[in-house]
Amino acid sequence: MLHLNHLRLGARRLPSRLMSTKFTSVEINDKTGVAILTLCRPPVNSQNAQMLRDIKSSIDEIENNKSKGLIITSASSKVFSAGLDISEMYKADKEKLSTLWTELQNVWVALYGSSLPTAAAINGHAPAGGCLLGVACEYRAMLPKCVIGLNETQLGIIAPEWLVFGYLNILPPRVAERALTQGRLFTTEEALKEGLIDEIVNSKDEALEKCQNFIESFDKVNSVARSLTKMQFRAANIKEFEKNRQKDVDDFVSLASRPEVQKIMGDYLDKNKSKK
């Protein structure tokens, strides 16, 4: 059974509707109109092609239901998302690599370009693709003693240009450049200091509450005007992404297929097996 977290008003549970796919669940609170999208692929929400399709499907469902806002979080108590599933990239043929990256693109543009207010309740570690999900949102609340960042260079690959621009929406250019070249993972406290997250919270419930408050801060703002203003900040990046979408896929496949990169991935998988 999927573990679902509910926003509360006092001690009373608010009415909600539940929907689920294989690796995600969505709870839409009928009173607040806010949807919580929960990542549910144990143990660490590593993003394979199916999970990415499920995330995209859930985002589309939330948009179509005309929810007031979207909060993304994790069913895991320790990891928000560990990013792309390395086992999906190791010794994979070009078609499989292309599919994986295309599904990641689809998730990013759906979340980054959402007309809704979006927030991430980051209740665990969020490296690489986990950070991508958080960065695509407008607001981030994160638990202490976790890490977040784009550490792709440590695996021999690079963050795509569209994600770099997403980083630059949040971080000063000098901080972003150094972090991306180093593959740096920020601690929660470092992330708050640099502006990568908005608040540190003590529990998942508090993270959800802070995200709810952020979304409700737009209650007196015209929703169409709010959405159009948001797109003024994001449309150029999305337009450039769409223009270069296929080249971005081809570049990833070419880089991920290189023998030295495959060796790094194999060593990473072997290292993780030895930890179990």
Protein backbone atom coordinates (compact mmCIF):
# COMPACT_ATOMS: atom_id res chain seq x y z
CA MET A 1 0.00 0.00 0.00
CA LEU A 2 1.27 3.46 -0.86
CA HIS A 3 2.09 5.73 2.05
CA LEU A 4 0.20 8.98 1.56
CA ASN A 5 0.68 12.16 3.57
CA HIS A 6 -2.25 14.46 4.22
CA LEU A 7 -2.27 18.18 4.84
CA ARG A 8 -4.15 18.93 8.04
CA LEU A 9 -6.19 21.83 9.35
CA GLY A 10 -5.72 21.58 13.11
CA ALA A 11 -6.24 17.89 13.89
CA ARG A 12 -8.95 17.40 11.27
CA ARG A 13 -8.11 15.63 8.03
CA LEU A 14 -9.42 17.50 5.04
CA PRO A 15 -11.42 15.71 2.31
CA SER A 16 -9.30 14.61 -0.62
CA ARG A 17 -9.26 12.57 -3.79
CA LEU A 18 -6.54 10.01 -4.42
CA MET A 19 -5.03 8.88 -7.72
CA SER A 20 -2.00 6.73 -8.31
CA THR A 21 0.22 5.30 -11.01
CA LYS A 22 2.90 2.69 -10.57
CA PHE A 23 5.52 5.02 -9.08
CA THR A 24 3.58 8.14 -8.09
CA SER A 25 0.47 9.04 -6.15
CA VAL A 26 -1.56 12.23 -6.23
CA GLU A 27 -3.76 13.52 -3.43
CA ILE A 28 -5.98 16.47 -4.30
CA ASN A 29 -7.38 18.26 -1.29
CA ASP A 30 -10.96 19.17 -2.17
CA LYS A 31 -11.08 21.99 0.37
CA THR A 32 -7.80 23.73 -0.45
CA GLY A 33 -7.57 22.73 -4.11
CA VAL A 34 -3.88 21.88 -3.69
CA ALA A 35 -2.47 18.64 -5.13
CA ILE A 36 0.35 16.66 -3.52
CA LEU A 37 2.37 14.54 -5.97
CA THR A 38 4.29 11.87 -4.05
CA LEU A 39 7.23 9.94 -5.52
CA CYS A 40 6.87 6.24 -4.68
CA ARG A 41 9.66 4.11 -6.16
CA PRO A 42 11.53 2.46 -3.27
CA PRO A 43 14.14 2.54 -2.04
CA VAL A 44 15.41 5.94 -3.27
CA ASN A 45 13.03 7.10 -6.02
CA SER A 46 15.67 6.61 -8.71
CA GLN A 47 14.18 7.80 -11.98
CA ASN A 48 13.81 5.13 -14.64
CA ALA A 49 11.79 5.71 -17.81
CA GLN A 50 8.56 4.38 -16.29
CA MET A 51 8.81 6.55 -13.20
CA LEU A 52 9.45 9.62 -15.33
CA ARG A 53 6.39 8.80 -17.43
CA ASP A 54 4.37 8.45 -14.22
CA ILE A 55 5.57 11.84 -12.92
CA LYS A 56 4.67 13.50 -16.23
CA SER A 57 1.26 11.80 -16.23
CA SER A 58 0.60 12.96 -12.67
CA ILE A 59 1.57 16.56 -13.49
CA ASP A 60 -0.77 16.49 -16.50
CA GLU A 61 -3.59 15.12 -14.33
CA ILE A 62 -3.09 17.89 -11.78
CA GLU A 63 -3.09 20.54 -14.53
CA ASN A 64 -6.23 19.08 -16.12
CA ASN A 65 -8.05 18.98 -12.78
CA LYS A 66 -7.45 22.71 -12.44
CA SER A 67 -5.87 22.34 -9.01
CA LYS A 68 -4.85 25.53 -7.22
CA GLY A 69 -1.26 24.43 -6.87
CA LEU A 70 1.14 21.48 -6.95
CA ILE A 71 3.41 20.19 -4.19
CA ILE A 72 5.92 17.44 -4.99
CA THR A 73 7.36 15.27 -2.22
CA SER A 74 8.57 11.73 -1.49
CA ALA A 75 7.17 8.66 0.24
CA SER A 76 10.70 7.86 1.44
CA SER A 77 11.72 9.16 4.84
CA LYS A 78 15.35 9.66 3.77
CA VAL A 79 15.49 10.41 0.04
CA PHE A 80 13.49 12.86 -2.05
CA SER A 81 14.91 11.39 -5.26
CA ALA A 82 18.35 10.00 -6.06
CA GLY A 83 18.06 11.18 -9.66
CA LEU A 84 18.34 9.15 -12.84
CA ASP A 85 18.61 5.39 -12.36
CA ILE A 86 22.26 4.69 -13.20
CA SER A 87 21.43 1.02 -13.91
CA GLU A 88 19.19 2.27 -16.74
CA MET A 89 22.19 4.01 -18.33
CA TYR A 90 24.90 1.40 -17.74
CA LYS A 91 25.50 -0.83 -20.76
CA ALA A 92 22.33 0.57 -22.30
CA ASP A 93 21.89 0.84 -26.07
CA LYS A 94 21.39 4.23 -27.69
CA GLU A 95 17.63 3.77 -28.02
CA LYS A 96 17.23 3.13 -24.30
CA LEU A 97 19.41 6.12 -23.43
CA SER A 98 17.44 8.30 -25.82
CA THR A 99 14.14 7.20 -24.28
CA LEU A 100 15.34 7.87 -20.73
CA TRP A 101 16.56 11.38 -21.53
CA THR A 102 13.43 12.21 -23.52
CA GLU A 103 11.24 11.22 -20.57
CA LEU A 104 13.39 13.40 -18.28
CA GLN A 105 12.96 16.32 -20.69
CA ASN A 106 9.19 15.78 -20.66
CA VAL A 107 9.06 15.90 -16.86
CA TRP A 108 11.19 19.02 -16.63
CA VAL A 109 9.24 21.06 -19.19
CA ALA A 110 5.90 19.99 -17.66
CA LEU A 111 6.96 21.03 -14.15
CA TYR A 112 9.09 24.07 -15.04
CA GLY A 113 6.44 25.33 -17.45
CA SER A 114 3.43 24.55 -15.27
CA SER A 115 0.79 27.28 -15.13
CA LEU A 116 0.23 26.41 -11.46
CA PRO A 117 2.15 27.60 -8.40
CA THR A 118 4.61 24.78 -7.68
CA ALA A 119 6.50 23.86 -4.52
CA ALA A 120 8.83 21.07 -3.43
CA ALA A 121 8.64 19.55 0.06
CA ILE A 122 12.15 18.07 -0.01
CA ASN A 123 12.05 15.51 2.79
CA GLY A 124 15.36 13.82 2.02
CA HIS A 125 18.46 13.84 -0.17
CA ALA A 126 17.99 15.39 -3.62
CA PRO A 127 21.03 14.94 -5.87
CA ALA A 128 20.98 15.25 -9.68
CA GLY A 129 17.46 14.52 -10.99
CA GLY A 130 16.09 15.03 -7.50
CA CYS A 131 17.54 18.53 -7.54
CA LEU A 132 16.10 19.00 -11.03
CA LEU A 133 12.57 18.45 -9.68
CA GLY A 134 13.15 20.94 -6.87
CA VAL A 135 14.74 23.56 -9.12
CA ALA A 136 11.83 23.32 -11.58
CA CYS A 137 9.47 24.40 -8.78
CA GLU A 138 9.02 27.97 -7.54
CA TYR A 139 9.55 27.26 -3.83
CA ARG A 140 11.56 24.70 -1.86
CA ALA A 141 11.32 23.67 1.81
CA MET A 142 13.91 21.11 2.92
CA LEU A 143 14.68 18.99 5.96
CA PRO A 144 18.05 19.38 7.75
CA LYS A 145 20.97 16.98 7.38
CA CYS A 146 20.30 16.36 3.69
CA VAL A 147 22.10 17.26 0.47
CA ILE A 148 20.91 18.79 -2.79
CA GLY A 149 22.69 19.68 -6.00
CA LEU A 150 23.62 18.77 -9.56
CA ASN A 151 26.53 16.35 -9.27
CA GLU A 152 26.51 15.13 -12.89
CA THR A 153 30.19 15.91 -13.51
CA GLN A 154 31.13 13.35 -10.87
CA LEU A 155 29.57 10.71 -13.14
CA GLY A 156 31.22 12.01 -16.30
CA ILE A 157 28.10 13.65 -17.70
CA ILE A 158 26.92 17.26 -17.64
CA ALA A 159 23.83 19.17 -16.68
CA PRO A 160 22.02 20.23 -19.88
CA GLU A 161 21.83 23.90 -20.79
CA TRP A 162 18.12 24.15 -19.95
CA LEU A 163 18.82 22.90 -16.43
CA VAL A 164 21.81 25.23 -16.08
CA PHE A 165 19.51 28.18 -16.83
CA GLY A 166 17.10 26.84 -14.23
CA TYR A 167 19.98 26.88 -11.73
CA LEU A 168 20.77 30.45 -12.75
CA ASN A 169 17.19 31.45 -11.94
CA ILE A 170 18.06 30.67 -8.32
CA LEU A 171 21.82 30.89 -7.74
CA PRO A 172 24.29 33.70 -8.48
CA PRO A 173 26.21 32.87 -11.70
CA ARG A 174 29.58 32.46 -9.95
CA VAL A 175 28.12 30.08 -7.36
CA ALA A 176 26.25 28.11 -10.04
CA GLU A 177 29.32 27.78 -12.30
CA ARG A 178 31.56 26.56 -9.52
CA ALA A 179 28.92 24.16 -8.18
CA LEU A 180 28.21 22.66 -11.61
CA THR A 181 31.87 22.23 -12.55
CA GLN A 182 32.64 20.64 -9.19
CA GLY A 183 29.49 18.49 -9.13
CA ARG A 184 28.82 19.99 -5.72
CA LEU A 185 26.14 18.75 -3.35
CA PHE A 186 25.01 21.45 -0.90
CA THR A 187 24.04 20.60 2.65
CA THR A 188 20.62 21.90 3.69
CA GLU A 189 22.26 24.76 5.56
CA GLU A 190 24.53 25.64 2.60
CA ALA A 191 21.57 25.48 0.23
CA LEU A 192 19.63 27.96 2.35
CA LYS A 193 22.62 30.31 2.58
CA GLU A 194 23.09 30.34 -1.20
CA GLY A 195 19.35 30.61 -1.93
CA LEU A 196 18.96 27.16 -3.49
CA ILE A 197 16.14 26.46 -1.02
CA ASP A 198 13.75 28.88 0.69
CA GLU A 199 13.33 27.40 4.16
CA ILE A 200 14.63 24.68 6.48
CA VAL A 201 11.89 22.69 8.21
CA ASN A 202 11.92 20.09 10.95
CA SER A 203 9.52 17.53 9.49
CA LYS A 204 7.77 16.48 6.31
CA ASP A 205 4.47 17.76 7.70
CA GLU A 206 6.05 21.16 8.28
CA ALA A 207 7.49 21.13 4.75
CA LEU A 208 4.04 20.43 3.33
CA GLU A 209 2.55 23.18 5.48
CA LYS A 210 5.14 25.71 4.28
CA CYS A 211 4.50 24.69 0.65
CA GLN A 212 0.77 25.05 1.23
CA ASN A 213 1.33 28.54 2.67
CA PHE A 214 3.40 29.51 -0.37
CA ILE A 215 0.64 28.42 -2.75
CA GLU A 216 -2.01 30.21 -0.67
CA SER A 217 0.04 33.42 -0.87
CA PHE A 218 -1.40 33.78 -4.39
CA ASP A 219 -5.04 33.52 -3.29
CA LYS A 220 -5.69 37.22 -3.86
CA VAL A 221 -3.73 37.33 -7.12
CA ASN A 222 -5.44 36.83 -10.48
CA SER A 223 -4.40 33.32 -11.56
CA VAL A 224 -4.07 34.17 -15.26
CA ALA A 225 -1.93 37.23 -14.55
CA ARG A 226 0.19 35.21 -12.12
CA SER A 227 0.77 32.45 -14.68
CA LEU A 228 1.61 34.87 -17.49
CA THR A 229 4.06 36.72 -15.26
CA LYS A 230 5.73 33.44 -14.30
CA MET A 231 6.12 32.58 -17.98
CA GLN A 232 7.81 35.92 -18.66
CA PHE A 233 10.66 34.62 -16.52
CA ARG A 234 10.67 31.08 -17.96
CA ALA A 235 9.44 31.26 -21.57
CA ALA A 236 12.81 32.07 -23.16
CA ASN A 237 14.46 29.04 -21.56
CA ILE A 238 11.56 26.79 -22.61
CA LYS A 239 11.62 28.15 -26.17
CA GLU A 240 15.38 27.54 -26.46
CA PHE A 241 14.92 24.05 -25.00
CA GLU A 242 12.21 23.16 -27.55
CA LYS A 243 14.38 24.42 -30.41
CA ASN A 244 17.31 22.23 -29.35
CA ARG A 245 15.40 19.28 -27.83
CA GLN A 246 16.65 16.61 -30.24
CA LYS A 247 20.23 17.88 -30.18
CA ASP A 248 20.09 17.73 -26.40
CA VAL A 249 19.05 14.06 -26.58
CA ASP A 250 21.77 13.27 -29.12
CA ASP A 251 24.42 15.00 -27.02
CA PHE A 252 23.41 13.06 -23.91
CA VAL A 253 23.40 9.72 -25.73
CA SER A 254 26.82 10.43 -27.24
CA LEU A 255 28.33 11.42 -23.89
CA ALA A 256 26.71 8.64 -21.83
CA SER A 257 27.85 6.02 -24.38
CA ARG A 258 31.53 6.90 -24.09
CA PRO A 259 33.59 4.04 -22.62
CA GLU A 260 35.15 6.18 -19.89
CA VAL A 261 31.71 7.39 -18.79
CA GLN A 262 30.33 3.86 -18.80
CA LYS A 263 33.27 2.80 -16.62
CA ILE A 264 32.46 5.54 -14.09
CA MET A 265 28.86 4.34 -13.99
CA GLY A 266 29.93 0.73 -13.56
CA ASP A 267 32.29 1.67 -10.72
CA TYR A 268 29.48 3.67 -9.08
CA LEU A 269 27.10 0.71 -9.24
CA ASP A 270 29.76 -1.66 -7.88
CA LYS A 271 30.48 0.74 -5.01
CA ASN A 272 26.80 0.91 -4.09
CA LYS A 273 26.46 -2.88 -4.21
CA SER A 274 29.32 -3.21 -1.74
CA LYS A 275 27.45 -0.91 0.68
CA LYS A 276 24.42 -3.18 0.81
